[in-house]
Every structure is written in C-alpha cells, then in structure tokens.
C-alpha atoms as a PDB file:
ATOM      1  CA  MET A   1      29.721  93.575  24.675  1.00  0.00           C
ATOM      2  CA  LYS A   2      29.637  89.939  25.745  1.00  0.00           C
ATOM      3  CA  PRO A   3      26.356  87.983  25.295  1.00  0.00           C
ATOM      4  CA  ALA A   4      26.026  87.509  29.068  1.00  0.00           C
ATOM      5  CA  HIS A   5      26.312  91.254  29.608  1.00  0.00           C
ATOM      6  CA  SER A   6      23.731  91.951  26.895  1.00  0.00           C
ATOM      7  CA  ALA A   7      21.333  89.458  28.456  1.00  0.00           C
ATOM      8  CA  ALA A   8      21.803  91.026  31.893  1.00  0.00           C
ATOM      9  CA  VAL A   9      21.097  94.521  30.513  1.00  0.00           C
ATOM     10  CA  VAL A  10      17.951  93.319  28.742  1.00  0.00           C
ATOM     11  CA  LEU A  11      16.745  91.448  31.845  1.00  0.00           C
ATOM     12  CA  PHE A  12      17.387  94.475  34.039  1.00  0.00           C
ATOM     13  CA  GLY A  13      15.510  96.739  31.615  1.00  0.00           C
ATOM     14  CA  LEU A  14      12.490  94.427  31.466  1.00  0.00           C
ATOM     15  CA  THR A  15      12.427  94.176  35.262  1.00  0.00           C
ATOM     16  CA  ALA A  16      12.501  97.970  35.584  1.00  0.00           C
ATOM     17  CA  LEU A  17       9.626  98.285  33.088  1.00  0.00           C
ATOM     18  CA  GLY A  18       7.614  95.662  34.963  1.00  0.00           C
ATOM     19  CA  LEU A  19       8.094  97.452  38.269  1.00  0.00           C
ATOM     20  CA  ALA A  20       7.205 100.822  36.742  1.00  0.00           C
ATOM     21  CA  ALA A  21       3.957  99.543  35.203  1.00  0.00           C
ATOM     22  CA  PRO A  22       0.821 100.430  37.147  1.00  0.00           C
ATOM     23  CA  PRO A  23      -0.921  97.544  38.912  1.00  0.00           C
ATOM     24  CA  ALA A  24      -3.906  95.930  37.224  1.00  0.00           C
ATOM     25  CA  TRP A  25      -6.919  97.194  39.133  1.00  0.00           C
ATOM     26  CA  ALA A  26      -9.846  95.877  37.138  1.00  0.00           C
ATOM     27  CA  GLN A  27      -9.812  92.110  37.426  1.00  0.00           C
ATOM     28  CA  VAL A  28     -11.968  89.951  35.177  1.00  0.00           C
ATOM     29  CA  ASP A  29     -11.775  86.196  35.598  1.00  0.00           C
ATOM     30  CA  PRO A  30     -11.447  84.168  33.436  1.00  0.00           C
ATOM     31  CA  ASP A  31      -9.459  86.079  30.860  1.00  0.00           C
ATOM     32  CA  PRO A  32      -9.570  85.084  28.021  1.00  0.00           C
ATOM     33  CA  MET A  33     -13.286  84.324  27.826  1.00  0.00           C
ATOM     34  CA  VAL A  34     -15.899  83.341  25.225  1.00  0.00           C
ATOM     35  CA  ALA A  35     -19.256  84.885  24.318  1.00  0.00           C
ATOM     36  CA  GLY A  36     -22.034  83.853  26.718  1.00  0.00           C
ATOM     37  CA  GLN A  37     -19.622  82.895  29.510  1.00  0.00           C
ATOM     38  CA  ARG A  38     -20.160  84.025  33.114  1.00  0.00           C
ATOM     39  CA  VAL A  39     -17.268  86.115  34.493  1.00  0.00           C
ATOM     40  CA  SER A  40     -16.257  87.581  37.859  1.00  0.00           C
ATOM     41  CA  ILE A  41     -15.370  91.263  38.002  1.00  0.00           C
ATOM     42  CA  SER A  42     -13.390  92.842  40.851  1.00  0.00           C
ATOM     43  CA  ASP A  43     -11.893  96.246  41.598  1.00  0.00           C
ATOM     44  CA  GLY A  44      -8.796  94.707  43.239  1.00  0.00           C
ATOM     45  CA  ARG A  45      -9.582  96.569  46.492  1.00  0.00           C
ATOM     46  CA  GLN A  46      -9.123  99.978  44.893  1.00  0.00           C
ATOM     47  CA  CYS A  47     -12.572 101.459  45.643  1.00  0.00           C
ATOM     48  CA  ALA A  48     -13.861 102.251  49.136  1.00  0.00           C
ATOM     49  CA  SER A  49     -16.428  99.532  49.894  1.00  0.00           C
ATOM     50  CA  GLY A  50     -18.851 101.857  51.686  1.00  0.00           C
ATOM     51  CA  ARG A  51     -19.123 104.299  48.802  1.00  0.00           C
ATOM     52  CA  GLY A  52     -20.122 101.952  45.982  1.00  0.00           C
ATOM     53  CA  ALA A  53     -18.677 101.134  42.574  1.00  0.00           C
ATOM     54  CA  TRP A  54     -19.749  99.780  39.207  1.00  0.00           C
ATOM     55  CA  ALA A  55     -18.155  98.237  36.131  1.00  0.00           C
ATOM     56  CA  SER A  56     -19.027  98.990  32.533  1.00  0.00           C
ATOM     57  CA  SER A  57     -18.115  97.396  29.219  1.00  0.00           C
ATOM     58  CA  THR A  58     -19.671  96.683  25.849  1.00  0.00           C
ATOM     59  CA  LEU A  59     -19.323  93.019  26.834  1.00  0.00           C
ATOM     60  CA  PHE A  60     -21.906  93.112  29.627  1.00  0.00           C
ATOM     61  CA  GLY A  61     -23.249  96.663  30.000  1.00  0.00           C
ATOM     62  CA  SER A  62     -23.161  98.258  33.462  1.00  0.00           C
ATOM     63  CA  VAL A  63     -22.914  96.120  36.624  1.00  0.00           C
ATOM     64  CA  VAL A  64     -23.066  97.286  40.259  1.00  0.00           C
ATOM     65  CA  LEU A  65     -20.149  96.003  42.353  1.00  0.00           C
ATOM     66  CA  ARG A  66     -20.805  94.823  45.905  1.00  0.00           C
ATOM     67  CA  PRO A  67     -18.338  94.312  48.806  1.00  0.00           C
ATOM     68  CA  GLY A  68     -16.722  90.850  48.785  1.00  0.00           C
ATOM     69  CA  GLU A  69     -13.533  88.873  49.484  1.00  0.00           C
ATOM     70  CA  ARG A  70     -11.477  90.536  46.745  1.00  0.00           C
ATOM     71  CA  GLY A  71     -12.820  94.042  47.259  1.00  0.00           C
ATOM     72  CA  MET A  72     -15.850  95.246  45.315  1.00  0.00           C
ATOM     73  CA  GLY A  73     -17.057  92.604  42.878  1.00  0.00           C
ATOM     74  CA  ALA A  74     -19.873  91.202  40.771  1.00  0.00           C
ATOM     75  CA  GLN A  75     -20.786  88.455  38.328  1.00  0.00           C
ATOM     76  CA  ALA A  76     -21.782  89.198  34.738  1.00  0.00           C
ATOM     77  CA  ARG A  77     -22.450  87.275  31.541  1.00  0.00           C
ATOM     78  CA  VAL A  78     -20.524  88.194  28.391  1.00  0.00           C
ATOM     79  CA  ALA A  79     -22.900  89.173  25.576  1.00  0.00           C
ATOM     80  CA  GLU A  80     -23.751  86.281  23.235  1.00  0.00           C
ATOM     81  CA  GLY A  81     -22.886  88.391  20.187  1.00  0.00           C
ATOM     82  CA  ALA A  82     -19.404  89.395  21.392  1.00  0.00           C
ATOM     83  CA  GLY A  83     -16.862  88.648  18.688  1.00  0.00           C
ATOM     84  CA  PRO A  84     -13.212  87.706  19.245  1.00  0.00           C
ATOM     85  CA  GLY A  85     -10.948  90.609  20.195  1.00  0.00           C
ATOM     86  CA  ARG A  86      -9.810  92.933  22.990  1.00  0.00           C
ATOM     87  CA  TYR A  87     -12.438  94.849  24.990  1.00  0.00           C
ATOM     88  CA  PRO A  88     -12.072  97.530  27.687  1.00  0.00           C
ATOM     89  CA  VAL A  89     -13.627  97.010  31.122  1.00  0.00           C
ATOM     90  CA  THR A  90     -13.860 100.187  33.225  1.00  0.00           C
ATOM     91  CA  ILE A  91     -14.317 100.258  36.994  1.00  0.00           C
ATOM     92  CA  HIS A  92     -15.911 103.441  38.378  1.00  0.00           C
ATOM     93  CA  CYS A  93     -15.426 104.162  42.114  1.00  0.00           C
ATOM     94  CA  ALA A  94     -18.418 106.015  43.633  1.00  0.00           C
ATOM     95  CA  SER A  95     -19.857 109.164  42.102  1.00  0.00           C
ATOM     96  CA  GLY A  96     -17.024 111.374  40.932  1.00  0.00           C
ATOM     97  CA  GLY A  97     -14.410 108.913  42.233  1.00  0.00           C
ATOM     98  CA  GLU A  98     -11.495 107.340  40.440  1.00  0.00           C
ATOM     99  CA  SER A  99     -11.990 105.236  37.302  1.00  0.00           C
ATOM    100  CA  PHE A 100      -9.600 102.727  35.778  1.00  0.00           C
ATOM    101  CA  THR A 101      -9.704 100.531  32.697  1.00  0.00           C
ATOM    102  CA  GLU A 102      -8.241  97.150  31.805  1.00  0.00           C
ATOM    103  CA  SER A 103      -8.499  95.232  28.533  1.00  0.00           C
ATOM    104  CA  VAL A 104      -9.789  91.667  28.379  1.00  0.00           C
ATOM    105  CA  THR A 105      -9.759  89.152  25.549  1.00  0.00           C
ATOM    106  CA  VAL A 106     -12.716  87.351  24.012  1.00  0.00           C
ATOM    107  CA  ARG A 107     -11.749  84.222  22.087  1.00  0.00           C
ATOM    108  CA  ASP A 108     -13.537  82.471  19.275  1.00  0.00           C
ATOM    109  CA  ALA A 109     -16.261  80.241  20.742  1.00  0.00           C
ATOM    110  CA  ARG A 110     -14.626  77.031  19.580  1.00  0.00           C
ATOM    111  CA  VAL A 111     -14.107  74.660  22.454  1.00  0.00           C
ATOM    112  CA  GLU A 112     -10.575  73.358  22.726  1.00  0.00           C
ATOM    113  CA  GLY A 113     -10.306  69.627  23.221  1.00  0.00           C
ATOM    114  CA  VAL A 114     -11.705  66.616  21.409  1.00  0.00           C
ATOM    115  CA  ASN A 115     -15.133  66.252  19.866  1.00  0.00           C
ATOM    116  CA  ALA A 116     -17.159  63.031  19.515  1.00  0.00           C
ATOM    117  CA  ALA A 117     -15.747  62.135  16.075  1.00  0.00           C
ATOM    118  CA  GLN A 118     -12.168  62.554  17.294  1.00  0.00           C
ATOM    119  CA  ALA A 119     -12.877  60.435  20.375  1.00  0.00           C
ATOM    120  CA  ALA A 120     -14.462  57.668  18.248  1.00  0.00           C
ATOM    121  CA  GLY A 121     -11.477  57.734  15.885  1.00  0.00           C
ATOM    122  CA  GLY A 122      -9.070  57.465  18.814  1.00  0.00           C
ATOM    123  CA  LEU A 123     -10.975  54.509  20.260  1.00  0.00           C
ATOM    124  CA  ALA A 124     -10.978  52.783  16.852  1.00  0.00           C
ATOM    125  CA  LEU A 125      -7.200  53.228  16.580  1.00  0.00           C
ATOM    126  CA  LEU A 126      -6.762  51.897  20.108  1.00  0.00           C
ATOM    127  CA  ALA A 127      -8.868  48.820  19.272  1.00  0.00           C
ATOM    128  CA  LEU A 128      -6.885  48.282  16.053  1.00  0.00           C
ATOM    129  CA  ALA A 129      -3.582  48.495  17.961  1.00  0.00           C
ATOM    130  CA  ALA A 130      -4.843  46.042  20.596  1.00  0.00           C
ATOM    131  CA  GLY A 131      -5.934  43.598  17.895  1.00  0.00           C
ATOM    132  CA  ALA A 132      -2.580  43.880  16.117  1.00  0.00           C
ATOM    133  CA  ALA A 133      -0.702  43.315  19.389  1.00  0.00           C
ATOM    134  CA  PHE A 134      -2.842  40.229  20.126  1.00  0.00           C
ATOM    135  CA  TRP A 135      -2.278  38.842  16.604  1.00  0.00           C
ATOM    136  CA  LEU A 136       1.499  39.458  16.780  1.00  0.00           C
ATOM    137  CA  ARG A 137       1.705  37.799  20.156  1.00  0.00           C
ATOM    138  CA  ARG A 138      -0.081  34.687  18.878  1.00  0.00           C
ATOM    139  CA  THR A 139       2.029  34.600  15.673  1.00  0.00           C
ATOM    140  CA  VAL A 140       5.402  35.057  17.360  1.00  0.00           C
ATOM    141  CA  GLY A 141       4.520  32.584  20.095  1.00  0.00           C
ATOM    142  CA  GLY A 142       4.114  29.870  17.435  1.00  0.00           C
ATOM    143  CA  ARG A 143       0.373  29.423  17.883  1.00  0.00           C
ATOM    144  CA  SER A 144      -0.974  30.533  14.516  1.00  0.00           C
END
C-alpha cells in the first residue's frame, strides 16, 4: 500500500473514532489546574435547569450548580492538598437523573515562567551586551 493511502486510512479511522466518541458533558475550566485554584464547572447544557444539578469530586467536594450562560454551573476552589494527577468530576442531574463523569488534570504547583533570579540574570546579560556593543562601537570607530 502506498504511503498516501496508508495516511488516508489512518486519518479516516481517527476521524471515525472522534465522531463516535461521546461529547464531553462535564466542563471544568481551566484544565489543567493547580491546587488552590478557582475553577468553573458546567454541565454543558445537559441537565434541565429547573430541576437542579450538582457536581462532586475529591478536588472540591460537592457543589450545587445554578442556571447560567453555559447551562448549569458553579465556581469551586481546588483543594490545597490536591497532588498532581487525573481526577474524576461527576455531574449529577436532579434526584435520580442522569450522571456523567469527566477527568481533569491537576499539575504540580510550580508556576511556569521566570522568577526574580532569572529576571535579574537576564537584565545583567542585557546590560553586559549593551556595554560590549558600546565599547565595540567606540573601538571600531577609532575613538579609543
């Protein structure tokens, strides 16, 4: 089989799997998150708004969902002691109604970006480069 044909078969298979997968009903934003962070939880408009719903997880306990723009939703704070890993979040629609579960990711609490020491080091390198450029300009220009 030619490589183009193989690629087309693989692409078609992945598309079919994607279309066959059930929609994500429990929505937690942001995902991934860190311990102590505030998150938004939504049912993705799957529960009847007049009947009530709640979300439960070891990350934040049980939270009552209220009608909102994206269906039933609420705010919750991820437990401070939550370690990195995957956690289930279950949405329960009304008493005896449908329930569905999604997994969310908690990352290590390290903040990505630069810290104060890295910023100071970068500024020192920038100052050193500016000084070297000034010195080279004066030397090459014949004014030593």
